C-alpha atoms as a PDB file:
ATOM      1  CA  UNK A   1     111.722 112.957  91.021  1.00  0.00           C
ATOM      2  CA  UNK A   2     109.509 113.134  87.914  1.00  0.00           C
ATOM      3  CA  UNK A   3     105.923 114.386  87.805  1.00  0.00           C
ATOM      4  CA  UNK A   4     104.452 110.866  87.652  1.00  0.00           C
ATOM      5  CA  UNK A   5     106.497 109.815  90.716  1.00  0.00           C
ATOM      6  CA  UNK A   6     105.330 112.899  92.599  1.00  0.00           C
ATOM      7  CA  UNK A   7     101.679 112.251  91.700  1.00  0.00           C
ATOM      8  CA  UNK A   8     101.968 108.601  92.796  1.00  0.00           C
ATOM      9  CA  UNK A   9     103.638 109.534  96.083  1.00  0.00           C
ATOM     10  CA  UNK A  10     100.982 112.157  96.795  1.00  0.00           C
ATOM     11  CA  UNK A  11      98.078 110.022  95.525  1.00  0.00           C
ATOM     12  CA  UNK A  12      96.945 112.823  93.196  1.00  0.00           C
ATOM     13  CA  UNK A  13      95.401 113.070  89.756  1.00  0.00           C
ATOM     14  CA  UNK A  14      96.332 115.870  87.376  1.00  0.00           C
ATOM     15  CA  UNK A  15      94.320 117.149  84.416  1.00  0.00           C
ATOM     16  CA  UNK A  16      95.861 116.405  81.041  1.00  0.00           C
ATOM     17  CA  UNK A  17      92.863 117.692  79.081  1.00  0.00           C
ATOM     18  CA  UNK A  18      89.584 119.441  79.797  1.00  0.00           C
ATOM     19  CA  UNK A  19      87.384 119.641  76.741  1.00  0.00           C
ATOM     20  CA  UNK A  20      83.816 119.592  75.532  1.00  0.00           C
ATOM     21  CA  UNK A  21      82.808 116.727  73.279  1.00  0.00           C
ATOM     22  CA  UNK A  22      79.534 115.889  71.586  1.00  0.00           C
ATOM     23  CA  UNK A  23      76.781 114.141  73.529  1.00  0.00           C
ATOM     24  CA  UNK A  24      76.883 110.420  72.797  1.00  0.00           C
ATOM     25  CA  UNK A  25      78.386 107.065  73.626  1.00  0.00           C
ATOM     26  CA  UNK A  26      82.073 106.442  73.029  1.00  0.00           C
ATOM     27  CA  UNK A  27      83.703 103.013  73.130  1.00  0.00           C
ATOM     28  CA  UNK A  28      87.367 103.684  72.330  1.00  0.00           C
ATOM     29  CA  UNK A  29      90.095 106.190  73.137  1.00  0.00           C
ATOM     30  CA  UNK A  30      93.212 106.535  71.024  1.00  0.00           C
ATOM     31  CA  UNK A  31      96.372 108.176  72.260  1.00  0.00           C
ATOM     32  CA  UNK A  32      99.259 108.892  69.957  1.00  0.00           C
ATOM     33  CA  UNK A  33     102.574 108.811  71.772  1.00  0.00           C
ATOM     34  CA  UNK A  34     105.257 110.524  69.734  1.00  0.00           C
ATOM     35  CA  UNK A  35     108.195 110.341  72.139  1.00  0.00           C
ATOM     36  CA  UNK A  36     109.036 109.144  75.641  1.00  0.00           C
ATOM     37  CA  UNK A  37     112.076 110.566  77.404  1.00  0.00           C
ATOM     38  CA  UNK A  38     113.436 108.878  80.538  1.00  0.00           C
ATOM     39  CA  UNK A  39     115.621 110.890  82.900  1.00  0.00           C
ATOM     40  CA  UNK A  40     117.967 108.895  85.112  1.00  0.00           C
ATOM     41  CA  UNK A  41     121.308 109.516  86.805  1.00  0.00           C
ATOM     42  CA  UNK A  42     123.015 109.167  83.408  1.00  0.00           C
ATOM     43  CA  UNK A  43     120.926 111.897  81.769  1.00  0.00           C
ATOM     44  CA  UNK A  44     118.063 111.812  79.263  1.00  0.00           C
ATOM     45  CA  UNK A  45     117.298 108.727  77.162  1.00  0.00           C
ATOM     46  CA  UNK A  46     114.585 108.173  74.556  1.00  0.00           C
ATOM     47  CA  UNK A  47     112.574 105.023  75.290  1.00  0.00           C
ATOM     48  CA  UNK A  48     111.558 102.647  72.495  1.00  0.00           C
ATOM     49  CA  UNK A  49     107.810 102.200  72.068  1.00  0.00           C
ATOM     50  CA  UNK A  50     106.341  98.923  70.722  1.00  0.00           C
ATOM     51  CA  UNK A  51     103.636 101.105  69.124  1.00  0.00           C
ATOM     52  CA  UNK A  52     103.123 104.859  68.917  1.00  0.00           C
ATOM     53  CA  UNK A  53      99.367 104.403  69.334  1.00  0.00           C
ATOM     54  CA  UNK A  54      97.571 103.240  72.461  1.00  0.00           C
ATOM     55  CA  UNK A  55      93.994 102.145  71.734  1.00  0.00           C
ATOM     56  CA  UNK A  56      91.852 101.733  74.843  1.00  0.00           C
ATOM     57  CA  UNK A  57      88.420 100.137  74.642  1.00  0.00           C
ATOM     58  CA  UNK A  58      86.310 101.785  77.342  1.00  0.00           C
ATOM     59  CA  UNK A  59      82.696 102.923  77.611  1.00  0.00           C
ATOM     60  CA  UNK A  60      82.091 106.641  78.073  1.00  0.00           C
ATOM     61  CA  UNK A  61      78.582 108.080  78.109  1.00  0.00           C
ATOM     62  CA  UNK A  62      78.463 111.851  77.582  1.00  0.00           C
ATOM     63  CA  UNK A  63      75.132 113.351  78.584  1.00  0.00           C
ATOM     64  CA  UNK A  64      73.911 116.887  78.022  1.00  0.00           C
ATOM     65  CA  UNK A  65      74.722 119.394  80.807  1.00  0.00           C
ATOM     66  CA  UNK A  66      76.832 116.894  82.756  1.00  0.00           C
ATOM     67  CA  UNK A  67      80.450 115.913  83.202  1.00  0.00           C
ATOM     68  CA  UNK A  68      81.941 112.634  82.038  1.00  0.00           C
ATOM     69  CA  UNK A  69      85.477 111.654  83.004  1.00  0.00           C
ATOM     70  CA  UNK A  70      88.155 109.341  81.648  1.00  0.00           C
ATOM     71  CA  UNK A  71      91.082 108.671  83.977  1.00  0.00           C
ATOM     72  CA  UNK A  72      94.274 107.042  82.684  1.00  0.00           C
ATOM     73  CA  UNK A  73      96.703 106.013  85.430  1.00  0.00           C
ATOM     74  CA  UNK A  74      99.963 104.963  83.751  1.00  0.00           C
ATOM     75  CA  UNK A  75     101.642 102.420  86.028  1.00  0.00           C
ATOM     76  CA  UNK A  76     105.296 103.279  85.465  1.00  0.00           C
ATOM     77  CA  UNK A  77     106.864 100.369  87.367  1.00  0.00           C
ATOM     78  CA  UNK A  78     104.933  97.858  85.190  1.00  0.00           C
ATOM     79  CA  UNK A  79     105.344  99.856  81.945  1.00  0.00           C
ATOM     80  CA  UNK A  80     109.039 100.701  81.836  1.00  0.00           C
ATOM     81  CA  UNK A  81     111.609  98.002  81.055  1.00  0.00           C
ATOM     82  CA  UNK A  82     115.391  98.065  80.688  1.00  0.00           C
ATOM     83  CA  UNK A  83     116.952  95.938  77.938  1.00  0.00           C
ATOM     84  CA  UNK A  84     120.008  93.751  78.409  1.00  0.00           C
ATOM     85  CA  UNK A  85     122.139  96.512  76.863  1.00  0.00           C
ATOM     86  CA  UNK A  86     120.736  99.313  79.035  1.00  0.00           C
ATOM     87  CA  UNK A  87     118.116 100.762  76.642  1.00  0.00           C
ATOM     88  CA  UNK A  88     114.596 101.622  77.787  1.00  0.00           C
ATOM     89  CA  UNK A  89     111.335 100.217  76.411  1.00  0.00           C
ATOM     90  CA  UNK A  90     107.972 101.695  77.438  1.00  0.00           C
ATOM     91  CA  UNK A  91     105.066  99.281  76.949  1.00  0.00           C
ATOM     92  CA  UNK A  92     102.257 101.151  78.763  1.00  0.00           C
ATOM     93  CA  UNK A  93     100.207  99.477  81.485  1.00  0.00           C
ATOM     94  CA  UNK A  94      97.264 101.716  82.338  1.00  0.00           C
ATOM     95  CA  UNK A  95      94.417 101.597  84.868  1.00  0.00           C
ATOM     96  CA  UNK A  96      91.420 103.112  83.039  1.00  0.00           C
ATOM     97  CA  UNK A  97      88.272 104.448  84.676  1.00  0.00           C
ATOM     98  CA  UNK A  98      85.377 106.243  82.995  1.00  0.00           C
ATOM     99  CA  UNK A  99      82.401 107.866  84.726  1.00  0.00           C
ATOM    100  CA  UNK A 100      79.227 109.571  83.603  1.00  0.00           C
ATOM    101  CA  UNK A 101      77.514 112.382  85.533  1.00  0.00           C
ATOM    102  CA  UNK A 102      80.607 112.868  87.711  1.00  0.00           C
ATOM    103  CA  UNK A 103      81.597 115.780  89.937  1.00  0.00           C
ATOM    104  CA  UNK A 104      85.026 117.203  89.102  1.00  0.00           C
ATOM    105  CA  UNK A 105      87.024 119.805  90.968  1.00  0.00           C
ATOM    106  CA  UNK A 106      90.250 121.189  89.499  1.00  0.00           C
ATOM    107  CA  UNK A 107      92.351 122.772  92.230  1.00  0.00           C
ATOM    108  CA  UNK A 108      94.701 125.740  91.884  1.00  0.00           C
ATOM    109  CA  UNK A 109      97.717 123.376  91.722  1.00  0.00           C
ATOM    110  CA  UNK A 110      96.073 121.581  88.728  1.00  0.00           C
ATOM    111  CA  UNK A 111      95.314 118.496  90.843  1.00  0.00           C
ATOM    112  CA  UNK A 112      91.927 116.942  90.173  1.00  0.00           C
ATOM    113  CA  UNK A 113      89.320 115.423  92.472  1.00  0.00           C
ATOM    114  CA  UNK A 114      86.645 113.203  90.881  1.00  0.00           C
ATOM    115  CA  UNK A 115      83.629 111.954  92.818  1.00  0.00           C
ATOM    116  CA  UNK A 116      80.107 110.667  92.319  1.00  0.00           C
ATOM    117  CA  UNK A 117      78.588 109.630  89.051  1.00  0.00           C
ATOM    118  CA  UNK A 118      78.359 106.155  87.588  1.00  0.00           C
ATOM    119  CA  UNK A 119      81.505 104.170  86.860  1.00  0.00           C
ATOM    120  CA  UNK A 120      81.208 102.795  83.311  1.00  0.00           C
ATOM    121  CA  UNK A 121      84.684 101.254  82.926  1.00  0.00           C
ATOM    122  CA  UNK A 122      87.276 100.242  85.502  1.00  0.00           C
ATOM    123  CA  UNK A 123      89.949  98.020  83.986  1.00  0.00           C
ATOM    124  CA  UNK A 124      93.695  97.592  83.662  1.00  0.00           C
ATOM    125  CA  UNK A 125      95.066  97.268  80.144  1.00  0.00           C
ATOM    126  CA  UNK A 126      98.581  96.840  78.866  1.00  0.00           C
ATOM    127  CA  UNK A 127     100.754  96.652  75.766  1.00  0.00           C
ATOM    128  CA  UNK A 128     103.109  93.821  74.863  1.00  0.00           C
ATOM    129  CA  UNK A 129     106.443  93.990  73.010  1.00  0.00           C
ATOM    130  CA  UNK A 130     104.624  93.753  69.650  1.00  0.00           C
ATOM    131  CA  UNK A 131     102.267  96.692  70.355  1.00  0.00           C
ATOM    132  CA  UNK A 132      99.181  94.545  71.065  1.00  0.00           C
ATOM    133  CA  UNK A 133      96.882  96.107  73.679  1.00  0.00           C
ATOM    134  CA  UNK A 134      94.350  94.437  75.959  1.00  0.00           C
ATOM    135  CA  UNK A 135      93.310  93.346  79.419  1.00  0.00           C
ATOM    136  CA  UNK A 136      96.071  91.259  81.023  1.00  0.00           C
ATOM    137  CA  UNK A 137      98.535  92.100  78.228  1.00  0.00           C
ATOM    138  CA  UNK A 138     102.012  93.365  79.189  1.00  0.00           C
ATOM    139  CA  UNK A 139     105.692  92.578  79.037  1.00  0.00           C
ATOM    140  CA  UNK A 140     106.357  90.286  82.041  1.00  0.00           C
ATOM    141  CA  UNK A 141     108.592  91.863  84.699  1.00  0.00           C
ATOM    142  CA  UNK A 142     111.025  88.920  84.692  1.00  0.00           C
ATOM    143  CA  UNK A 143     111.501  88.717  80.906  1.00  0.00           C
ATOM    144  CA  UNK A 144     114.935  89.452  79.423  1.00  0.00           C
ATOM    145  CA  UNK A 145     114.019  92.124  76.862  1.00  0.00           C
ATOM    146  CA  UNK A 146     116.434  92.725  73.977  1.00  0.00           C
ATOM    147  CA  UNK A 147     116.455  95.603  71.531  1.00  0.00           C
ATOM    148  CA  UNK A 148     118.369  96.231  68.340  1.00  0.00           C
END
């Protein structure tokens, strides 16, 4: 069972980054994804990505002497697709939440608990087969995906 499956089963968040950024208002996050490796019963397989960059439009207000959070919940069962010839494609579908003035506790097992504050963004975004990102965008579950 992979880390994401374990987190989903346990209903936990885990910190990917904890950093200080300048006070201000942010309206976009960009994640560069260099490689995705899928482990199944046949071993390790590199998944094709429609785009190596995931741009997420979300409001984040960073105030002085407070904590702002951005939570990205990658929904694996909506993001991962198998092609007709058994190859993997990962077109991320992500539930995004941002908060200002939040309370954050990072536990000894690296799990995270977020509470309080003001929710600024709470939306589900996805990527299609061409790398376009937006609300309601994704590769449909019943589509027959092909890859060269």
